[in-house]
């Protein structure tokens, strides 16, 4: 795709590098990439277009090191990577396809419990003017379905899970639970007990994240609906 600028502001000063956009985005998403393959030029600039390099002393003051690769890693992971318009467009198209695929697999028409065809979902997304953002599906699927319901009957098949989180992990795991939480109860010992309603298609990913954060110490149990 070519080279683009990645930048970060530290202590009011601008720091820029030139990076391979594909590898930089992979690194930003948490993949393991050799920094030598990410940066196009092993220099740190205050203005890359003018070729103005940052003196070593300023690098030391801002980052505690003058190592180009260490600094570049921080710039890419924590800063902004400029993406070409066609790259953004492709990412958006891919995200829309992911949403359509997810809904065609795990959502149904509540009137007959049958799935909607992918073509109908795509048409409804356009008709409802649904804004699909370039972030995790789990963080926005509820809002997407809410908007789709304005033009077509649709619901996601879910399961209710009772989760008990030890006190030492509640702070780190709360953001994850908040996406699906229906009810929460804080215990006297600082632990958290809550009921979450999770889309069937996201359960594997949810449990992986939950166990990763709590090191497998969270207790879970499916909550059966009355009459089941």
C-alpha atoms as a PDB file:
ATOM      1  CA  UNK A   1       0.000   0.000   0.000  1.00  0.00           C
ATOM      2  CA  UNK A   2       3.021   2.301   0.479  1.00  0.00           C
ATOM      3  CA  UNK A   3       4.531   4.513   3.147  1.00  0.00           C
ATOM      4  CA  UNK A   4       2.604   6.955   5.331  1.00  0.00           C
ATOM      5  CA  UNK A   5       3.297   9.189   8.313  1.00  0.00           C
ATOM      6  CA  UNK A   6       2.819   7.991  11.892  1.00  0.00           C
ATOM      7  CA  UNK A   7       2.962  10.667  14.572  1.00  0.00           C
ATOM      8  CA  UNK A   8       2.621  11.289  18.268  1.00  0.00           C
ATOM      9  CA  UNK A   9       2.747  14.391  20.454  1.00  0.00           C
ATOM     10  CA  UNK A  10       4.799  14.158  23.667  1.00  0.00           C
ATOM     11  CA  UNK A  11       5.278  17.075  26.058  1.00  0.00           C
ATOM     12  CA  UNK A  12       3.817  19.391  23.434  1.00  0.00           C
ATOM     13  CA  UNK A  13       6.319  18.355  20.748  1.00  0.00           C
ATOM     14  CA  UNK A  14       5.597  16.532  17.501  1.00  0.00           C
ATOM     15  CA  UNK A  15       7.412  13.282  16.581  1.00  0.00           C
ATOM     16  CA  UNK A  16       6.955  11.608  13.199  1.00  0.00           C
ATOM     17  CA  UNK A  17       8.203   8.533  11.352  1.00  0.00           C
ATOM     18  CA  UNK A  18       7.573   7.066   7.921  1.00  0.00           C
ATOM     19  CA  UNK A  19       6.035   3.602   8.039  1.00  0.00           C
ATOM     20  CA  UNK A  20       4.662   0.869   5.814  1.00  0.00           C
ATOM     21  CA  UNK A  21       0.920   1.335   6.310  1.00  0.00           C
ATOM     22  CA  UNK A  22      -0.018  -2.360   6.219  1.00  0.00           C
ATOM     23  CA  UNK A  23       2.635  -3.429   8.727  1.00  0.00           C
ATOM     24  CA  UNK A  24       1.976  -0.403  10.938  1.00  0.00           C
ATOM     25  CA  UNK A  25      -1.738  -1.232  11.156  1.00  0.00           C
ATOM     26  CA  UNK A  26      -0.891  -4.866  11.953  1.00  0.00           C
ATOM     27  CA  UNK A  27       1.401  -3.696  14.756  1.00  0.00           C
ATOM     28  CA  UNK A  28      -1.253  -1.300  16.039  1.00  0.00           C
ATOM     29  CA  UNK A  29      -3.707  -4.207  16.207  1.00  0.00           C
ATOM     30  CA  UNK A  30      -1.308  -6.094  18.464  1.00  0.00           C
ATOM     31  CA  UNK A  31       0.407  -8.388  15.980  1.00  0.00           C
ATOM     32  CA  UNK A  32       4.107  -9.165  16.397  1.00  0.00           C
ATOM     33  CA  UNK A  33       5.972  -7.317  13.648  1.00  0.00           C
ATOM     34  CA  UNK A  34       9.703  -6.576  13.397  1.00  0.00           C
ATOM     35  CA  UNK A  35      10.068  -2.790  13.621  1.00  0.00           C
ATOM     36  CA  UNK A  36      12.776  -2.867  10.969  1.00  0.00           C
ATOM     37  CA  UNK A  37      10.053  -3.988   8.544  1.00  0.00           C
ATOM     38  CA  UNK A  38       7.617  -1.336   9.762  1.00  0.00           C
ATOM     39  CA  UNK A  39       9.623   1.883   9.467  1.00  0.00           C
ATOM     40  CA  UNK A  40      10.728   3.091   6.049  1.00  0.00           C
ATOM     41  CA  UNK A  41      13.561   5.313   7.328  1.00  0.00           C
ATOM     42  CA  UNK A  42      15.278   4.809  10.684  1.00  0.00           C
ATOM     43  CA  UNK A  43      14.960   8.452  11.704  1.00  0.00           C
ATOM     44  CA  UNK A  44      12.582  10.410  13.935  1.00  0.00           C
ATOM     45  CA  UNK A  45      11.343  13.723  12.530  1.00  0.00           C
ATOM     46  CA  UNK A  46       9.580  16.747  13.945  1.00  0.00           C
ATOM     47  CA  UNK A  47       8.355  17.411  10.386  1.00  0.00           C
ATOM     48  CA  UNK A  48       8.876  14.469   8.044  1.00  0.00           C
ATOM     49  CA  UNK A  49       7.737  16.372   4.932  1.00  0.00           C
ATOM     50  CA  UNK A  50      10.479  18.958   5.467  1.00  0.00           C
ATOM     51  CA  UNK A  51      12.958  16.313   6.602  1.00  0.00           C
ATOM     52  CA  UNK A  52      13.586  17.996   9.965  1.00  0.00           C
ATOM     53  CA  UNK A  53      15.058  15.415  12.352  1.00  0.00           C
ATOM     54  CA  UNK A  54      14.666  15.481  16.121  1.00  0.00           C
ATOM     55  CA  UNK A  55      17.953  15.876  18.063  1.00  0.00           C
ATOM     56  CA  UNK A  56      18.919  12.964  20.308  1.00  0.00           C
ATOM     57  CA  UNK A  57      18.575  15.105  23.441  1.00  0.00           C
ATOM     58  CA  UNK A  58      14.928  15.844  22.638  1.00  0.00           C
ATOM     59  CA  UNK A  59      14.288  12.144  22.050  1.00  0.00           C
ATOM     60  CA  UNK A  60      15.837  11.330  25.427  1.00  0.00           C
ATOM     61  CA  UNK A  61      13.747  13.996  27.137  1.00  0.00           C
ATOM     62  CA  UNK A  62      10.509  12.786  25.552  1.00  0.00           C
ATOM     63  CA  UNK A  63      10.953   9.007  25.507  1.00  0.00           C
ATOM     64  CA  UNK A  64      13.816   8.278  27.900  1.00  0.00           C
ATOM     65  CA  UNK A  65      15.808   6.798  25.017  1.00  0.00           C
ATOM     66  CA  UNK A  66      17.172   7.735  21.599  1.00  0.00           C
ATOM     67  CA  UNK A  67      16.709   4.213  20.200  1.00  0.00           C
ATOM     68  CA  UNK A  68      14.822   4.760  16.940  1.00  0.00           C
ATOM     69  CA  UNK A  69      13.098   1.363  16.987  1.00  0.00           C
ATOM     70  CA  UNK A  70      11.893   1.658  20.580  1.00  0.00           C
ATOM     71  CA  UNK A  71      10.527   5.141  19.882  1.00  0.00           C
ATOM     72  CA  UNK A  72       8.982   4.081  16.568  1.00  0.00           C
ATOM     73  CA  UNK A  73       7.190   1.222  18.293  1.00  0.00           C
ATOM     74  CA  UNK A  74       5.628   3.662  20.759  1.00  0.00           C
ATOM     75  CA  UNK A  75       4.667   6.114  18.006  1.00  0.00           C
ATOM     76  CA  UNK A  76       2.855   3.421  16.020  1.00  0.00           C
ATOM     77  CA  UNK A  77       1.111   1.737  18.957  1.00  0.00           C
ATOM     78  CA  UNK A  78       0.095   4.874  20.838  1.00  0.00           C
ATOM     79  CA  UNK A  79       0.035   7.545  18.158  1.00  0.00           C
ATOM     80  CA  UNK A  80      -1.806   8.177  14.907  1.00  0.00           C
ATOM     81  CA  UNK A  81      -1.123   6.352  11.654  1.00  0.00           C
ATOM     82  CA  UNK A  82      -2.336   8.271   8.607  1.00  0.00           C
ATOM     83  CA  UNK A  83      -4.253   5.917   6.361  1.00  0.00           C
ATOM     84  CA  UNK A  84      -4.899   6.534   2.648  1.00  0.00           C
ATOM     85  CA  UNK A  85      -8.540   7.065   1.664  1.00  0.00           C
ATOM     86  CA  UNK A  86      -8.723   3.821  -0.326  1.00  0.00           C
ATOM     87  CA  UNK A  87      -7.350   1.913   2.699  1.00  0.00           C
ATOM     88  CA  UNK A  88     -10.034   3.407   4.933  1.00  0.00           C
ATOM     89  CA  UNK A  89     -12.668   2.572   2.329  1.00  0.00           C
ATOM     90  CA  UNK A  90     -11.548  -1.056   2.125  1.00  0.00           C
ATOM     91  CA  UNK A  91     -11.499  -1.373   5.928  1.00  0.00           C
ATOM     92  CA  UNK A  92     -15.045   0.002   6.070  1.00  0.00           C
ATOM     93  CA  UNK A  93     -16.242  -2.406   3.363  1.00  0.00           C
ATOM     94  CA  UNK A  94     -14.649  -5.329   5.219  1.00  0.00           C
ATOM     95  CA  UNK A  95     -16.310  -4.295   8.497  1.00  0.00           C
ATOM     96  CA  UNK A  96     -19.730  -4.053   6.827  1.00  0.00           C
ATOM     97  CA  UNK A  97     -19.244  -7.541   5.379  1.00  0.00           C
ATOM     98  CA  UNK A  98     -18.316  -8.853   8.844  1.00  0.00           C
ATOM     99  CA  UNK A  99     -21.517  -7.379  10.310  1.00  0.00           C
ATOM    100  CA  UNK A 100     -23.677  -8.830   7.517  1.00  0.00           C
ATOM    101  CA  UNK A 101     -22.050 -12.238   7.918  1.00  0.00           C
ATOM    102  CA  UNK A 102     -22.515 -12.136  11.701  1.00  0.00           C
ATOM    103  CA  UNK A 103     -26.192 -11.163  11.485  1.00  0.00           C
ATOM    104  CA  UNK A 104     -26.986 -13.720   8.783  1.00  0.00           C
ATOM    105  CA  UNK A 105     -25.540 -16.449  11.041  1.00  0.00           C
ATOM    106  CA  UNK A 106     -26.724 -15.412  14.497  1.00  0.00           C
ATOM    107  CA  UNK A 107     -29.768 -13.161  14.047  1.00  0.00           C
ATOM    108  CA  UNK A 108     -33.322 -14.242  13.254  1.00  0.00           C
ATOM    109  CA  UNK A 109     -36.738 -12.864  12.432  1.00  0.00           C
ATOM    110  CA  UNK A 110     -38.525 -13.024  15.818  1.00  0.00           C
ATOM    111  CA  UNK A 111     -41.840 -13.748  14.070  1.00  0.00           C
ATOM    112  CA  UNK A 112     -40.692 -17.167  12.823  1.00  0.00           C
ATOM    113  CA  UNK A 113     -37.174 -17.642  14.295  1.00  0.00           C
ATOM    114  CA  UNK A 114     -35.741 -18.011  10.792  1.00  0.00           C
ATOM    115  CA  UNK A 115     -32.539 -16.251   9.687  1.00  0.00           C
ATOM    116  CA  UNK A 116     -32.623 -13.282   7.327  1.00  0.00           C
ATOM    117  CA  UNK A 117     -30.777 -13.643   4.000  1.00  0.00           C
ATOM    118  CA  UNK A 118     -27.532 -11.688   3.789  1.00  0.00           C
ATOM    119  CA  UNK A 119     -28.927  -9.650   0.874  1.00  0.00           C
ATOM    120  CA  UNK A 120     -31.931  -8.544   2.969  1.00  0.00           C
ATOM    121  CA  UNK A 121     -29.661  -7.517   5.840  1.00  0.00           C
ATOM    122  CA  UNK A 122     -27.429  -5.513   3.509  1.00  0.00           C
ATOM    123  CA  UNK A 123     -30.464  -3.751   2.049  1.00  0.00           C
ATOM    124  CA  UNK A 124     -31.843  -2.990   5.523  1.00  0.00           C
ATOM    125  CA  UNK A 125     -28.509  -1.553   6.709  1.00  0.00           C
ATOM    126  CA  UNK A 126     -28.621   0.924   3.824  1.00  0.00           C
ATOM    127  CA  UNK A 127     -32.325   1.639   4.277  1.00  0.00           C
ATOM    128  CA  UNK A 128     -31.906   2.381   7.998  1.00  0.00           C
ATOM    129  CA  UNK A 129     -28.744   4.402   7.390  1.00  0.00           C
ATOM    130  CA  UNK A 130     -26.850   2.329   9.978  1.00  0.00           C
ATOM    131  CA  UNK A 131     -23.404   3.677  10.817  1.00  0.00           C
ATOM    132  CA  UNK A 132     -20.964   0.782  11.154  1.00  0.00           C
ATOM    133  CA  UNK A 133     -17.764   1.860  12.852  1.00  0.00           C
ATOM    134  CA  UNK A 134     -14.302   0.396  12.408  1.00  0.00           C
ATOM    135  CA  UNK A 135     -14.189  -1.271  15.830  1.00  0.00           C
ATOM    136  CA  UNK A 136     -15.109  -4.615  17.367  1.00  0.00           C
ATOM    137  CA  UNK A 137     -18.526  -5.955  16.389  1.00  0.00           C
ATOM    138  CA  UNK A 138     -19.293  -6.782  20.028  1.00  0.00           C
ATOM    139  CA  UNK A 139     -19.064  -3.105  20.967  1.00  0.00           C
ATOM    140  CA  UNK A 140     -21.655  -1.954  18.448  1.00  0.00           C
ATOM    141  CA  UNK A 141     -23.870  -4.898  17.473  1.00  0.00           C
ATOM    142  CA  UNK A 142     -26.576  -3.947  19.981  1.00  0.00           C
ATOM    143  CA  UNK A 143     -26.941  -0.474  18.477  1.00  0.00           C
ATOM    144  CA  UNK A 144     -26.849  -1.870  14.934  1.00  0.00           C
ATOM    145  CA  UNK A 145     -29.718  -4.264  15.677  1.00  0.00           C
ATOM    146  CA  UNK A 146     -31.664  -1.486  17.408  1.00  0.00           C
ATOM    147  CA  UNK A 147     -31.432   0.630  14.240  1.00  0.00           C
ATOM    148  CA  UNK A 148     -32.249  -2.289  11.960  1.00  0.00           C
ATOM    149  CA  UNK A 149     -35.446  -2.940  13.905  1.00  0.00           C
ATOM    150  CA  UNK A 150     -36.774   0.326  12.524  1.00  0.00           C
ATOM    151  CA  UNK A 151     -37.023  -1.229   9.058  1.00  0.00           C
ATOM    152  CA  UNK A 152     -37.118  -5.013   9.670  1.00  0.00           C
ATOM    153  CA  UNK A 153     -37.883  -7.378  12.574  1.00  0.00           C
ATOM    154  CA  UNK A 154     -34.619  -8.839  13.816  1.00  0.00           C
ATOM    155  CA  UNK A 155     -33.130 -10.156  17.032  1.00  0.00           C
ATOM    156  CA  UNK A 156     -29.858 -11.823  17.945  1.00  0.00           C
ATOM    157  CA  UNK A 157     -29.929 -15.257  19.546  1.00  0.00           C
ATOM    158  CA  UNK A 158     -28.345 -14.891  22.962  1.00  0.00           C
ATOM    159  CA  UNK A 159     -27.610 -16.775  26.162  1.00  0.00           C
ATOM    160  CA  UNK A 160     -27.736 -15.391  29.677  1.00  0.00           C
ATOM    161  CA  UNK A 161     -24.707 -16.151  31.819  1.00  0.00           C
ATOM    162  CA  UNK A 162     -24.244 -15.614  35.555  1.00  0.00           C
ATOM    163  CA  UNK A 163     -20.645 -14.573  36.239  1.00  0.00           C
ATOM    164  CA  UNK A 164     -18.812 -14.223  39.539  1.00  0.00           C
ATOM    165  CA  UNK A 165     -15.629 -12.144  39.410  1.00  0.00           C
ATOM    166  CA  UNK A 166     -13.064 -12.122  42.266  1.00  0.00           C
ATOM    167  CA  UNK A 167     -12.438  -8.680  43.745  1.00  0.00           C
ATOM    168  CA  UNK A 168      -8.887  -8.412  42.382  1.00  0.00           C
ATOM    169  CA  UNK A 169     -10.123  -8.621  38.771  1.00  0.00           C
ATOM    170  CA  UNK A 170     -13.306  -6.535  38.820  1.00  0.00           C
ATOM    171  CA  UNK A 171     -11.664  -3.297  37.671  1.00  0.00           C
ATOM    172  CA  UNK A 172      -9.999  -4.864  34.647  1.00  0.00           C
ATOM    173  CA  UNK A 173     -12.971  -6.948  33.535  1.00  0.00           C
ATOM    174  CA  UNK A 174     -15.735  -4.384  34.035  1.00  0.00           C
ATOM    175  CA  UNK A 175     -15.377  -2.845  30.578  1.00  0.00           C
ATOM    176  CA  UNK A 176     -15.840  -6.249  28.945  1.00  0.00           C
ATOM    177  CA  UNK A 177     -18.930  -7.061  31.014  1.00  0.00           C
ATOM    178  CA  UNK A 178     -20.453  -3.646  30.417  1.00  0.00           C
ATOM    179  CA  UNK A 179     -21.113  -4.484  26.749  1.00  0.00           C
ATOM    180  CA  UNK A 180     -23.585  -7.223  27.741  1.00  0.00           C
ATOM    181  CA  UNK A 181     -24.524  -6.570  31.364  1.00  0.00           C
ATOM    182  CA  UNK A 182     -28.177  -6.878  32.415  1.00  0.00           C
ATOM    183  CA  UNK A 183     -27.769  -6.907  36.189  1.00  0.00           C
ATOM    184  CA  UNK A 184     -24.923  -6.497  38.654  1.00  0.00           C
ATOM    185  CA  UNK A 185     -24.486  -7.071  42.386  1.00  0.00           C
ATOM    186  CA  UNK A 186     -21.407  -6.028  44.341  1.00  0.00           C
ATOM    187  CA  UNK A 187     -20.575  -8.368  47.209  1.00  0.00           C
ATOM    188  CA  UNK A 188     -19.312  -7.280  50.630  1.00  0.00           C
ATOM    189  CA  UNK A 189     -15.873  -8.758  49.878  1.00  0.00           C
ATOM    190  CA  UNK A 190     -15.492  -6.573  46.751  1.00  0.00           C
ATOM    191  CA  UNK A 191     -16.279  -9.354  44.286  1.00  0.00           C
ATOM    192  CA  UNK A 192     -18.816  -8.818  41.507  1.00  0.00           C
ATOM    193  CA  UNK A 193     -21.725 -11.008  40.486  1.00  0.00           C
ATOM    194  CA  UNK A 194     -23.555 -10.111  37.304  1.00  0.00           C
ATOM    195  CA  UNK A 195     -25.810 -11.476  34.609  1.00  0.00           C
ATOM    196  CA  UNK A 196     -24.785 -10.876  31.017  1.00  0.00           C
ATOM    197  CA  UNK A 197     -26.732 -11.550  27.839  1.00  0.00           C
ATOM    198  CA  UNK A 198     -24.250 -12.587  25.166  1.00  0.00           C
ATOM    199  CA  UNK A 199     -24.882 -13.125  21.436  1.00  0.00           C
ATOM    200  CA  UNK A 200     -24.310 -16.790  20.612  1.00  0.00           C
ATOM    201  CA  UNK A 201     -21.771 -15.913  17.943  1.00  0.00           C
ATOM    202  CA  UNK A 202     -19.618 -13.935  20.365  1.00  0.00           C
ATOM    203  CA  UNK A 203     -19.510 -16.378  23.255  1.00  0.00           C
ATOM    204  CA  UNK A 204     -16.203 -18.002  22.328  1.00  0.00           C
ATOM    205  CA  UNK A 205     -14.478 -14.644  21.992  1.00  0.00           C
ATOM    206  CA  UNK A 206     -16.108 -13.421  25.217  1.00  0.00           C
ATOM    207  CA  UNK A 207     -14.939 -16.414  27.266  1.00  0.00           C
ATOM    208  CA  UNK A 208     -11.419 -16.133  25.853  1.00  0.00           C
ATOM    209  CA  UNK A 209     -11.214 -12.492  26.940  1.00  0.00           C
ATOM    210  CA  UNK A 210     -12.827 -13.179  30.316  1.00  0.00           C
ATOM    211  CA  UNK A 211     -10.453 -16.021  31.130  1.00  0.00           C
ATOM    212  CA  UNK A 212      -7.473 -14.033  29.883  1.00  0.00           C
ATOM    213  CA  UNK A 213      -8.251 -11.099  32.167  1.00  0.00           C
ATOM    214  CA  UNK A 214      -9.172 -13.181  35.243  1.00  0.00           C
ATOM    215  CA  UNK A 215      -6.629 -15.966  34.633  1.00  0.00           C
ATOM    216  CA  UNK A 216      -9.490 -18.460  34.639  1.00  0.00           C
ATOM    217  CA  UNK A 217     -10.720 -17.481  38.108  1.00  0.00           C
ATOM    218  CA  UNK A 218     -14.159 -16.236  37.005  1.00  0.00           C
ATOM    219  CA  UNK A 219     -17.048 -18.610  37.700  1.00  0.00           C
ATOM    220  CA  UNK A 220     -19.759 -18.854  35.044  1.00  0.00           C
ATOM    221  CA  UNK A 221     -23.127 -20.579  34.799  1.00  0.00           C
ATOM    222  CA  UNK A 222     -25.797 -20.434  32.099  1.00  0.00           C
ATOM    223  CA  UNK A 223     -29.068 -18.937  33.302  1.00  0.00           C
ATOM    224  CA  UNK A 224     -32.027 -20.875  31.960  1.00  0.00           C
ATOM    225  CA  UNK A 225     -35.048 -18.821  31.003  1.00  0.00           C
ATOM    226  CA  UNK A 226     -38.298 -19.784  32.732  1.00  0.00           C
ATOM    227  CA  UNK A 227     -40.139 -22.363  30.732  1.00  0.00           C
ATOM    228  CA  UNK A 228     -36.934 -23.794  29.169  1.00  0.00           C
END
